[in-house]
C-alpha cells in the first residue's frame, strides 16, 4: 500500500533469493553475507530490480531468452533475428577431454591450428549452433496468440539470407526468398497458425533548412564551386582546395609542458559528477546522521573509481555541505526521526497518454504517516528560470506520490547543500503547477511544436534538432 510498494516487496523477495543462493554455496554466516553485499557495492555492481509484476500483468516486460524459459505471454516480440555473435580471435582451441590446444608454428613461421585443434573447433561450433537453435525454439514458443519477428536484412554474396542466423534458419524452413518474401502468407497444414511477411514502409525524410545539421550532404562538386566562389582570386582545382583547407596556427613546442601530471588532469570534478556523488553519500547515510558521513564518503569514492577524480579539497568541500544538513533541524525532523526512508525512488506516472518517469532523491514518512519529499541540490540557491525548473521537477515528484499512494506529501523541499539553506513548498500548489506545465508540454509534443526555451543554449542542447525540424 506504500509508494512503489509492489516493487519494494519484489526487491525484498529477490534479496531473500540471493541469501538462499549464498547459503547453497556453503556460506552460512550473516556476517559473511553482509560482507558479500558490501563487496557488490564496492565493485559498483548494478543488480537489476526484481520483477514487480506477475507473468500475466498488464505491462511490457523486457527479458533475455534465457530468462523467458517456462513463461508465456499473449504477444511476444523477438527482434534482431539477423544478429551474429561477436567474432573471436582465439589463440587456443578448448576441449573438455583434451584441454587447451594451442596453435602450432608452420615452416614459414606462421602459427595456425593443427588437425586436432580444427576438429575440436568444428565440434565446438556445432555445439554452439545447437544451443542457438534451442534458444530460437524457446524464443518462438513463448507467444500464446501473436508472435512478431523483426530484423534488418543482410544477404550473402549469392543474394540469399545468411544461413548462420536466426533469420536465415527461418527463411530456409519457410522457403522464403529475399526477392519474393514481402507479402508472403503461409499457413500450416492443420490451419493452427498463419505467418505474414511484411516490410515496413519507409518514412519520407523530413524537410530541413539548408543550415540544419540534418540536411542531406551536398555533392562534392557543388561544395568546391561554392568555396571557390568565396575566394574569387583563386582559380582551378588548386584554388578550390586552398579555399577549403585552412592552415592551423603555428605551435611553439618550447612552451608546452613535457608531461601532464595525473593530479592536474583529474583535478576538476564536473558539477554533474559532484551532484551524483552528493546523492550517493546521502543515500548511504540514510537516517544514521553525521556519524556515518565519513564512512559513506569513503564508500562513494572507493579506490579505483570516483576517488581518482575527487581531490582532498573537493572531498572536504562537499563533506562540509553534507555535514551542515545532517546536523540541521530539518534533517532531524524529516529524516532521522522517520519511520520509513527510501532514497533514489524510481517512479512512472501516466498523464494524458504519456509516461512521466524519474527518481525521487528522498522520500520519508513519519510516525503519523505524513510523507516528506526532498530534492538535494549542489551549487548556489536557484533563482529565475532555474528555480522554475526545480519547482517543476519537485511538483512531479509530489504528483507521483499522490498518484501511487492516493495522498499528497505533507511537505516538499529543495535542500541546497552548498548554500546551507532549505526551500519548502506547498505540495498541492506545486503539483497543480507542474501538472499544468506537463500537460502543455505533452500537447505541444503531440502537435509537433517544440518552442525554444528562454535562455536556451542550442550549442549543447541534445534536442536542438527538434527545433530545426519543427
Protein backbone atom coordinates (compact mmCIF):
# COMPACT_ATOMS: atom_id res chain seq x y z
CA UNK A 1 0.00 0.00 0.00
CA UNK A 2 3.05 2.32 0.16
CA UNK A 3 4.62 4.32 -2.66
CA UNK A 4 6.03 1.78 -5.18
CA UNK A 5 5.28 -0.89 -2.56
CA UNK A 6 4.93 -3.68 -5.12
CA UNK A 7 8.50 -3.05 -6.34
CA UNK A 8 9.83 -2.86 -2.77
CA UNK A 9 8.30 -6.24 -1.87
CA UNK A 10 9.65 -7.80 -5.06
CA UNK A 11 13.12 -6.49 -4.26
CA UNK A 12 12.93 -7.97 -0.74
CA UNK A 13 12.00 -11.33 -2.23
CA UNK A 14 14.95 -11.06 -4.59
CA UNK A 15 17.22 -10.30 -1.63
CA UNK A 16 15.89 -13.47 0.02
CA UNK A 17 16.70 -15.43 -3.14
CA UNK A 18 20.22 -14.01 -3.10
CA UNK A 19 20.61 -15.13 0.51
CA UNK A 20 19.39 -18.65 -0.35
CA UNK A 21 21.82 -18.89 -3.26
CA UNK A 22 24.62 -17.66 -0.99
CA UNK A 23 23.73 -20.28 1.61
CA UNK A 24 23.71 -23.02 -1.06
CA UNK A 25 27.39 -22.28 -1.71
CA UNK A 26 28.20 -23.39 1.83
CA UNK A 27 28.29 -19.94 3.45
CA UNK A 28 26.00 -19.74 6.49
CA UNK A 29 27.20 -16.69 8.39
CA UNK A 30 25.14 -13.48 8.40
CA UNK A 31 28.41 -11.56 8.71
CA UNK A 32 29.75 -13.27 5.57
CA UNK A 33 26.54 -12.44 3.66
CA UNK A 34 26.75 -8.75 4.68
CA UNK A 35 30.39 -8.70 3.55
CA UNK A 36 29.28 -10.22 0.24
CA UNK A 37 26.67 -7.47 -0.26
CA UNK A 38 29.23 -4.80 0.67
CA UNK A 39 31.59 -6.21 -1.96
CA UNK A 40 28.84 -5.81 -4.56
CA UNK A 41 28.60 -2.12 -3.64
CA UNK A 42 32.37 -1.61 -3.78
CA UNK A 43 32.58 -3.33 -7.17
CA UNK A 44 29.87 -0.95 -8.45
CA UNK A 45 27.79 -3.99 -9.37
CA UNK A 46 24.37 -2.88 -10.66
CA UNK A 47 21.87 -5.53 -9.64
CA UNK A 48 18.63 -5.18 -11.59
CA UNK A 49 15.30 -4.56 -9.90
CA UNK A 50 13.19 -7.64 -9.27
CA UNK A 51 10.15 -8.26 -11.46
CA UNK A 52 7.32 -6.39 -9.75
CA UNK A 53 4.51 -7.77 -11.91
CA UNK A 54 3.36 -11.32 -12.43
CA UNK A 55 3.62 -13.04 -15.77
CA UNK A 56 0.05 -12.10 -16.72
CA UNK A 57 0.37 -8.46 -15.63
CA UNK A 58 -0.78 -5.72 -18.00
CA UNK A 59 2.75 -4.45 -18.58
CA UNK A 60 5.53 -4.71 -21.16
CA UNK A 61 8.35 -6.94 -19.98
CA UNK A 62 11.85 -6.93 -21.46
CA UNK A 63 13.71 -10.21 -20.94
CA UNK A 64 16.52 -12.27 -22.39
CA UNK A 65 15.54 -15.56 -23.99
CA UNK A 66 17.14 -17.44 -21.09
CA UNK A 67 15.04 -15.52 -18.55
CA UNK A 68 11.86 -16.21 -20.57
CA UNK A 69 12.13 -20.01 -20.29
CA UNK A 70 8.96 -21.57 -18.92
CA UNK A 71 6.91 -18.34 -19.32
CA UNK A 72 4.32 -17.26 -21.90
CA UNK A 73 2.59 -14.02 -22.92
CA UNK A 74 -0.25 -13.19 -25.33
CA UNK A 75 2.07 -11.15 -27.56
CA UNK A 76 5.83 -11.71 -27.90
CA UNK A 77 8.28 -9.66 -29.98
CA UNK A 78 11.63 -11.23 -30.95
CA UNK A 79 13.87 -8.58 -32.57
CA UNK A 80 17.21 -8.57 -34.38
CA UNK A 81 16.96 -12.02 -35.99
CA UNK A 82 19.98 -11.35 -38.21
CA UNK A 83 22.29 -10.61 -35.30
CA UNK A 84 25.55 -12.54 -35.38
CA UNK A 85 27.73 -13.32 -32.37
CA UNK A 86 30.91 -11.33 -31.97
CA UNK A 87 33.89 -12.85 -33.68
CA UNK A 88 36.74 -14.12 -31.54
CA UNK A 89 40.47 -14.20 -32.12
CA UNK A 90 41.02 -17.37 -30.12
CA UNK A 91 44.64 -18.37 -29.52
CA UNK A 92 43.78 -21.89 -28.35
CA UNK A 93 41.10 -24.48 -29.06
CA UNK A 94 39.39 -25.67 -25.87
CA UNK A 95 38.33 -29.29 -25.44
CA UNK A 96 36.64 -30.83 -22.40
CA UNK A 97 38.60 -34.03 -22.95
CA UNK A 98 41.96 -32.75 -24.21
CA UNK A 99 42.12 -29.32 -22.57
CA UNK A 100 43.61 -26.30 -24.38
CA UNK A 101 45.21 -26.97 -27.78
CA UNK A 102 47.41 -24.06 -28.94
CA UNK A 103 48.35 -23.09 -32.46
CA UNK A 104 51.46 -24.69 -33.97
CA UNK A 105 54.24 -22.93 -35.84
CA UNK A 106 54.48 -23.80 -39.54
CA UNK A 107 57.76 -23.96 -41.54
CA UNK A 108 57.10 -20.48 -42.95
CA UNK A 109 56.89 -19.04 -39.42
CA UNK A 110 53.11 -18.57 -39.34
CA UNK A 111 51.07 -20.01 -36.49
CA UNK A 112 47.84 -21.89 -37.17
CA UNK A 113 45.68 -24.64 -35.72
CA UNK A 114 46.57 -28.24 -36.46
CA UNK A 115 44.21 -31.06 -37.48
CA UNK A 116 43.24 -31.97 -33.89
CA UNK A 117 42.53 -28.37 -32.96
CA UNK A 118 40.44 -27.85 -36.10
CA UNK A 119 38.42 -30.96 -35.23
CA UNK A 120 37.83 -29.61 -31.71
CA UNK A 121 36.83 -26.18 -33.07
CA UNK A 122 34.42 -27.82 -35.51
CA UNK A 123 32.77 -29.75 -32.68
CA UNK A 124 32.54 -26.57 -30.59
CA UNK A 125 30.90 -24.70 -33.46
CA UNK A 126 28.34 -27.48 -33.84
CA UNK A 127 27.55 -27.33 -30.12
CA UNK A 128 27.19 -23.54 -30.28
CA UNK A 129 24.86 -23.80 -33.27
CA UNK A 130 22.75 -26.41 -31.49
CA UNK A 131 22.48 -24.10 -28.48
CA UNK A 132 21.48 -21.18 -30.73
CA UNK A 133 18.77 -23.34 -32.31
CA UNK A 134 17.47 -24.32 -28.86
CA UNK A 135 17.35 -20.64 -27.88
CA UNK A 136 15.44 -19.83 -31.07
CA UNK A 137 12.93 -22.55 -30.22
CA UNK A 138 12.48 -21.09 -26.73
CA UNK A 139 12.02 -17.57 -28.14
CA UNK A 140 9.43 -18.64 -30.72
CA UNK A 141 7.35 -20.71 -28.30
CA UNK A 142 6.76 -18.01 -25.66
CA UNK A 143 3.80 -16.48 -27.53
CA UNK A 144 0.21 -17.58 -26.89
CA UNK A 145 -1.56 -15.55 -29.61
CA UNK A 146 0.76 -13.36 -31.67
CA UNK A 147 4.48 -13.66 -32.43
CA UNK A 148 6.19 -10.66 -34.03
CA UNK A 149 9.63 -11.26 -35.55
CA UNK A 150 11.68 -8.33 -36.81
CA UNK A 151 15.09 -7.92 -38.35
CA UNK A 152 17.25 -5.98 -40.69
CA UNK A 153 18.25 -7.97 -43.76
CA UNK A 154 21.81 -8.75 -44.80
CA UNK A 155 22.31 -11.02 -47.79
CA UNK A 156 25.29 -13.23 -48.60
CA UNK A 157 27.36 -12.94 -51.78
CA UNK A 158 24.80 -15.05 -53.67
CA UNK A 159 21.93 -12.75 -52.72
CA UNK A 160 20.37 -15.11 -50.17
CA UNK A 161 19.59 -14.76 -46.48
CA UNK A 162 22.67 -15.57 -44.46
CA UNK A 163 22.26 -19.12 -43.19
CA UNK A 164 24.09 -18.82 -39.86
CA UNK A 165 21.49 -16.51 -38.26
CA UNK A 166 18.02 -16.98 -36.83
CA UNK A 167 16.62 -15.15 -39.86
CA UNK A 168 18.46 -17.49 -42.22
CA UNK A 169 17.17 -20.61 -40.47
CA UNK A 170 13.58 -19.33 -40.52
CA UNK A 171 13.85 -18.36 -44.20
CA UNK A 172 15.15 -21.84 -45.01
CA UNK A 173 12.39 -23.56 -43.01
CA UNK A 174 9.63 -21.43 -44.60
CA UNK A 175 11.24 -21.41 -48.07
CA UNK A 176 11.43 -17.62 -48.22
CA UNK A 177 13.49 -15.85 -50.89
CA UNK A 178 14.67 -12.24 -50.50
CA UNK A 179 13.09 -11.02 -53.73
CA UNK A 180 9.67 -12.64 -53.15
CA UNK A 181 9.38 -12.74 -49.34
CA UNK A 182 7.44 -9.47 -48.97
CA UNK A 183 3.68 -10.04 -48.83
CA UNK A 184 4.00 -13.82 -48.39
CA UNK A 185 1.25 -15.50 -46.36
CA UNK A 186 1.86 -19.01 -45.05
CA UNK A 187 -0.47 -21.36 -43.20
CA UNK A 188 0.43 -24.74 -41.77
CA UNK A 189 -1.35 -27.88 -42.95
CA UNK A 190 -3.53 -28.05 -39.85
CA UNK A 191 -4.50 -24.39 -40.01
CA UNK A 192 -3.25 -23.73 -36.48
CA UNK A 193 -1.06 -20.77 -37.42
CA UNK A 194 -0.66 -18.17 -40.12
CA UNK A 195 2.54 -16.28 -40.98
CA UNK A 196 2.52 -12.95 -42.80
CA UNK A 197 5.75 -11.37 -44.08
CA UNK A 198 5.73 -7.57 -44.24
CA UNK A 199 8.24 -4.83 -44.89
CA UNK A 200 7.74 -1.51 -43.07
CA UNK A 201 7.09 1.48 -45.29
CA UNK A 202 9.90 3.98 -45.22
CA UNK A 203 9.02 7.38 -43.82
CA UNK A 204 9.90 10.30 -46.12
CA UNK A 205 12.82 12.35 -44.90
CA UNK A 206 11.63 15.50 -43.06
CA UNK A 207 12.18 18.78 -44.81
CA UNK A 208 15.02 20.67 -43.25
CA UNK A 209 16.61 24.01 -43.85
CA UNK A 210 19.93 24.48 -45.58
CA UNK A 211 21.57 25.38 -42.28
CA UNK A 212 20.32 22.29 -40.46
CA UNK A 213 22.78 19.72 -39.17
CA UNK A 214 20.34 17.09 -40.56
CA UNK A 215 20.37 18.41 -44.13
CA UNK A 216 21.45 15.90 -46.77
CA UNK A 217 25.10 16.07 -47.75
CA UNK A 218 25.73 18.08 -50.90
CA UNK A 219 27.73 16.80 -53.83
CA UNK A 220 31.47 17.44 -53.67
CA UNK A 221 31.37 19.39 -56.92
CA UNK A 222 28.77 21.79 -55.52
CA UNK A 223 30.85 22.31 -52.37
CA UNK A 224 34.04 23.07 -54.26
CA UNK A 225 32.25 25.51 -56.55
CA UNK A 226 30.70 27.30 -53.58
CA UNK A 227 34.04 27.50 -51.83
CA UNK A 228 35.75 28.76 -54.95
CA UNK A 229 33.13 31.49 -55.30
CA UNK A 230 34.07 32.73 -51.84
CA UNK A 231 37.70 33.17 -53.00
CA UNK A 232 37.41 34.97 -56.36
CA UNK A 233 41.17 35.49 -56.56
CA UNK A 234 41.83 31.75 -56.66
CA UNK A 235 41.11 29.66 -59.76
CA UNK A 236 41.04 26.00 -60.74
CA UNK A 237 41.22 22.90 -58.57
CA UNK A 238 44.19 24.26 -56.62
CA UNK A 239 42.18 27.30 -55.67
CA UNK A 240 39.21 25.21 -54.61
CA UNK A 241 41.37 23.06 -52.36
CA UNK A 242 43.18 26.04 -50.87
CA UNK A 243 39.85 27.74 -50.12
CA UNK A 244 38.51 24.60 -48.42
CA UNK A 245 41.55 23.88 -46.26
CA UNK A 246 42.54 26.46 -43.67
CA UNK A 247 46.05 26.20 -42.20
CA UNK A 248 46.41 25.64 -38.46
CA UNK A 249 48.19 28.34 -36.45
CA UNK A 250 51.81 27.53 -35.59
CA UNK A 251 52.51 25.95 -32.20
CA UNK A 252 55.55 26.81 -30.13
CA UNK A 253 56.62 23.45 -28.69
CA UNK A 254 59.01 25.16 -26.28
CA UNK A 255 56.02 26.50 -24.34
CA UNK A 256 54.38 23.06 -23.97
CA UNK A 257 54.85 21.05 -20.73
CA UNK A 258 56.83 17.84 -21.01
CA UNK A 259 54.02 15.84 -19.40
CA UNK A 260 50.70 16.36 -17.66
CA UNK A 261 50.55 15.10 -14.12
CA UNK A 262 47.57 12.88 -13.25
CA UNK A 263 46.58 15.25 -10.47
CA UNK A 264 46.24 18.12 -12.95
CA UNK A 265 44.23 16.00 -15.39
CA UNK A 266 41.82 14.69 -12.75
CA UNK A 267 41.62 17.76 -10.53
CA UNK A 268 38.32 19.10 -11.81
CA UNK A 269 35.15 17.28 -10.76
CA UNK A 270 32.26 18.20 -13.04
CA UNK A 271 29.09 19.70 -11.49
CA UNK A 272 27.14 16.63 -12.64
CA UNK A 273 29.60 14.21 -11.01
CA UNK A 274 29.60 16.30 -7.84
CA UNK A 275 25.82 16.21 -7.67
CA UNK A 276 25.72 12.45 -8.22
CA UNK A 277 28.34 11.98 -5.52
CA UNK A 278 26.28 14.01 -3.05
CA UNK A 279 23.18 11.93 -3.81
CA UNK A 280 25.12 8.69 -3.33
CA UNK A 281 26.53 9.81 0.02
CA UNK A 282 23.09 10.88 1.30
CA UNK A 283 21.66 7.53 0.21
CA UNK A 284 24.40 5.67 2.11
CA UNK A 285 24.00 7.82 5.24
CA UNK A 286 20.22 7.37 5.34
CA UNK A 287 18.90 8.02 8.87
CA UNK A 288 22.24 7.40 10.63
CA UNK A 289 23.30 11.04 10.66
CA UNK A 290 26.66 12.80 10.81
CA UNK A 291 28.40 9.82 12.43
CA UNK A 292 28.19 7.89 9.15
CA UNK A 293 29.27 10.70 6.84
CA UNK A 294 32.96 9.75 6.71
CA UNK A 295 32.21 6.07 6.08
CA UNK A 296 29.64 6.92 3.41
CA UNK A 297 32.07 9.27 1.67
CA UNK A 298 34.71 6.52 1.67
CA UNK A 299 32.28 4.03 0.11
CA UNK A 300 31.09 6.54 -2.51
CA UNK A 301 34.69 7.34 -3.55
CA UNK A 302 36.22 3.89 -3.21
CA UNK A 303 39.68 3.30 -4.72
CA UNK A 304 39.77 2.82 -8.47
CA UNK A 305 36.57 4.75 -9.19
CA UNK A 306 35.44 8.20 -8.02
CA UNK A 307 38.50 8.53 -5.80
CA UNK A 308 40.57 9.08 -8.94
CA UNK A 309 38.54 12.22 -9.73
CA UNK A 310 37.94 13.70 -6.29
CA UNK A 311 40.68 15.76 -4.74
CA UNK A 312 41.00 16.14 -0.98
CA UNK A 313 39.85 19.75 -1.22
CA UNK A 314 36.74 18.76 -3.18
CA UNK A 315 36.01 15.97 -0.72
CA UNK A 316 36.23 18.37 2.24
CA UNK A 317 34.12 20.99 0.45
CA UNK A 318 31.33 18.52 -0.28
CA UNK A 319 31.53 16.98 3.20
CA UNK A 320 31.07 20.45 4.69
CA UNK A 321 27.78 20.98 2.85
CA UNK A 322 26.52 17.48 3.61
CA UNK A 323 27.54 17.82 7.25
CA UNK A 324 25.59 21.05 7.57
CA UNK A 325 22.36 19.34 6.52
CA UNK A 326 22.99 16.20 8.60
CA UNK A 327 23.25 18.42 11.70
CA UNK A 328 20.26 20.61 10.81
CA UNK A 329 16.87 20.62 12.50
CA UNK A 330 15.23 19.75 9.16
CA UNK A 331 17.25 16.55 8.83
CA UNK A 332 16.47 15.60 12.44
CA UNK A 333 12.73 16.13 11.94
CA UNK A 334 12.27 14.85 8.40
CA UNK A 335 14.90 12.11 8.03
CA UNK A 336 16.45 10.97 11.30
CA UNK A 337 13.09 10.57 13.06
CA UNK A 338 11.33 9.00 10.06
CA UNK A 339 9.86 5.54 10.49
CA UNK A 340 10.44 4.84 6.81
CA UNK A 341 13.04 6.30 4.41
CA UNK A 342 13.65 5.48 0.76
CA UNK A 343 16.33 7.03 -1.44
CA UNK A 344 16.57 7.33 -5.23
CA UNK A 345 12.98 6.07 -5.59
CA UNK A 346 12.05 5.42 -9.25
CA UNK A 347 8.53 6.26 -10.41
CA UNK A 348 6.41 6.20 -13.56
CA UNK A 349 3.12 8.13 -13.81
CA UNK A 350 0.62 8.20 -16.69
CA UNK A 351 -0.56 11.62 -17.80
CA UNK A 352 -2.55 12.45 -20.95
CA UNK A 353 -1.40 9.29 -22.70
CA UNK A 354 2.26 9.87 -21.83
CA UNK A 355 4.52 8.33 -19.18
CA UNK A 356 6.42 10.60 -16.79
CA UNK A 357 9.47 8.91 -15.29
CA UNK A 358 12.06 9.97 -12.74
CA UNK A 359 13.69 9.36 -9.36
CA UNK A 360 12.87 10.99 -6.05
CA UNK A 361 16.03 11.83 -4.07
CA UNK A 362 14.50 11.10 -0.66
CA UNK A 363 11.00 10.02 0.38
CA UNK A 364 10.48 9.86 4.15
CA UNK A 365 7.43 9.02 6.26
CA UNK A 366 6.94 9.88 9.91
CA UNK A 367 5.02 8.02 12.63
CA UNK A 368 1.82 9.87 11.72
CA UNK A 369 2.02 8.65 8.11
CA UNK A 370 2.99 12.03 6.68
CA UNK A 371 5.32 11.94 3.67
CA UNK A 372 8.24 14.30 3.02
CA UNK A 373 9.70 14.70 -0.48
CA UNK A 374 13.24 16.10 -0.63
CA UNK A 375 15.38 17.04 -3.62
CA UNK A 376 19.10 17.61 -2.93
CA UNK A 377 20.89 20.31 -4.94
CA UNK A 378 24.54 21.30 -5.05
CA UNK A 379 25.69 24.75 -6.13
CA UNK A 380 24.10 28.07 -5.18
CA UNK A 381 20.48 28.75 -4.39
CA UNK A 382 18.42 28.71 -7.59
CA UNK A 383 16.65 31.76 -8.94
CA UNK A 384 14.67 32.68 -12.05
CA UNK A 385 14.41 30.04 -14.78
CA UNK A 386 16.49 27.54 -12.84
CA UNK A 387 14.15 27.79 -9.84
CA UNK A 388 11.17 27.21 -12.13
CA UNK A 389 12.90 24.11 -13.45
CA UNK A 390 13.44 22.82 -9.92
CA UNK A 391 9.82 23.60 -8.95
CA UNK A 392 8.56 21.69 -11.98
CA UNK A 393 10.70 18.70 -11.08
CA UNK A 394 9.66 18.73 -7.42
CA UNK A 395 5.99 19.12 -8.34
CA UNK A 396 6.12 15.99 -10.50
CA UNK A 397 7.59 14.12 -7.52
CA UNK A 398 4.56 15.19 -5.49
CA UNK A 399 2.25 14.07 -8.31
CA UNK A 400 3.95 10.67 -8.36
CA UNK A 401 3.43 10.19 -4.62
CA UNK A 402 -0.21 11.28 -4.91
CA UNK A 403 -0.91 9.01 -7.91
CA UNK A 404 0.65 5.99 -6.24
CA UNK A 405 -0.47 6.36 -2.62
CA UNK A 406 -3.61 8.47 -3.03
CA UNK A 407 -2.21 11.06 -0.61
CA UNK A 408 -0.32 14.30 -1.08
CA UNK A 409 3.06 14.67 0.64
CA UNK A 410 2.96 16.70 3.85
CA UNK A 411 5.90 18.77 2.64
CA UNK A 412 8.17 19.15 -0.39
CA UNK A 413 11.53 20.89 -0.17
CA UNK A 414 14.67 21.75 -2.10
CA UNK A 415 17.78 21.21 0.02
CA UNK A 416 20.66 23.43 -1.13
CA UNK A 417 23.69 21.69 0.36
CA UNK A 418 26.32 24.27 -0.62
CA UNK A 419 24.15 27.28 0.18
CA UNK A 420 23.19 25.83 3.59
CA UNK A 421 19.51 26.54 3.08
CA UNK A 422 16.21 24.73 2.65
CA UNK A 423 13.32 25.95 0.47
CA UNK A 424 9.98 24.35 1.49
CA UNK A 425 6.93 24.42 -0.81
CA UNK A 426 3.24 23.66 -0.57
CA UNK A 427 2.86 20.23 -2.25
CA UNK A 428 -0.65 20.77 -3.64
CA UNK A 429 0.16 24.13 -5.25
CA UNK A 430 3.43 22.74 -6.60
CA UNK A 431 1.76 19.61 -8.00
CA UNK A 432 -1.01 21.52 -9.82
CA UNK A 433 1.52 23.94 -11.31
CA UNK A 434 3.75 21.12 -12.56
CA UNK A 435 0.87 19.05 -13.97
CA UNK A 436 -0.38 22.08 -15.90
CA UNK A 437 3.07 22.59 -17.40
CA UNK A 438 3.43 18.87 -18.14
CA UNK A 439 0.05 18.75 -19.94
CA UNK A 440 1.03 21.75 -22.05
CA UNK A 441 4.35 20.12 -22.95
CA UNK A 442 2.67 16.81 -23.86
CA UNK A 443 0.13 18.62 -26.06
CA UNK A 444 2.93 20.51 -27.79
CA UNK A 445 4.90 17.34 -28.44
CA UNK A 446 1.79 15.65 -29.87
CA UNK A 447 1.30 18.61 -32.25
CA UNK A 448 4.97 18.70 -33.22
CA UNK A 449 5.60 22.04 -31.50
CA UNK A 450 8.98 22.48 -29.86
CA UNK A 451 9.10 26.08 -28.69
CA UNK A 452 12.53 27.43 -27.96
CA UNK A 453 13.05 27.81 -24.22
CA UNK A 454 14.13 31.09 -22.67
CA UNK A 455 17.92 31.43 -22.43
CA UNK A 456 18.28 28.22 -24.44
CA UNK A 457 21.81 27.03 -25.18
CA UNK A 458 21.36 25.46 -28.61
CA UNK A 459 25.02 24.52 -28.92
CA UNK A 460 24.78 21.93 -26.13
CA UNK A 461 21.07 21.02 -26.31
CA UNK A 462 20.53 17.36 -27.24
CA UNK A 463 17.09 18.22 -28.65
CA UNK A 464 18.17 21.08 -30.90
CA UNK A 465 17.27 19.02 -33.96
CA UNK A 466 13.60 19.17 -32.91
CA UNK A 467 13.64 22.96 -33.22
CA UNK A 468 15.18 22.69 -36.67
CA UNK A 469 12.60 20.19 -37.88
CA UNK A 470 9.55 21.93 -36.37
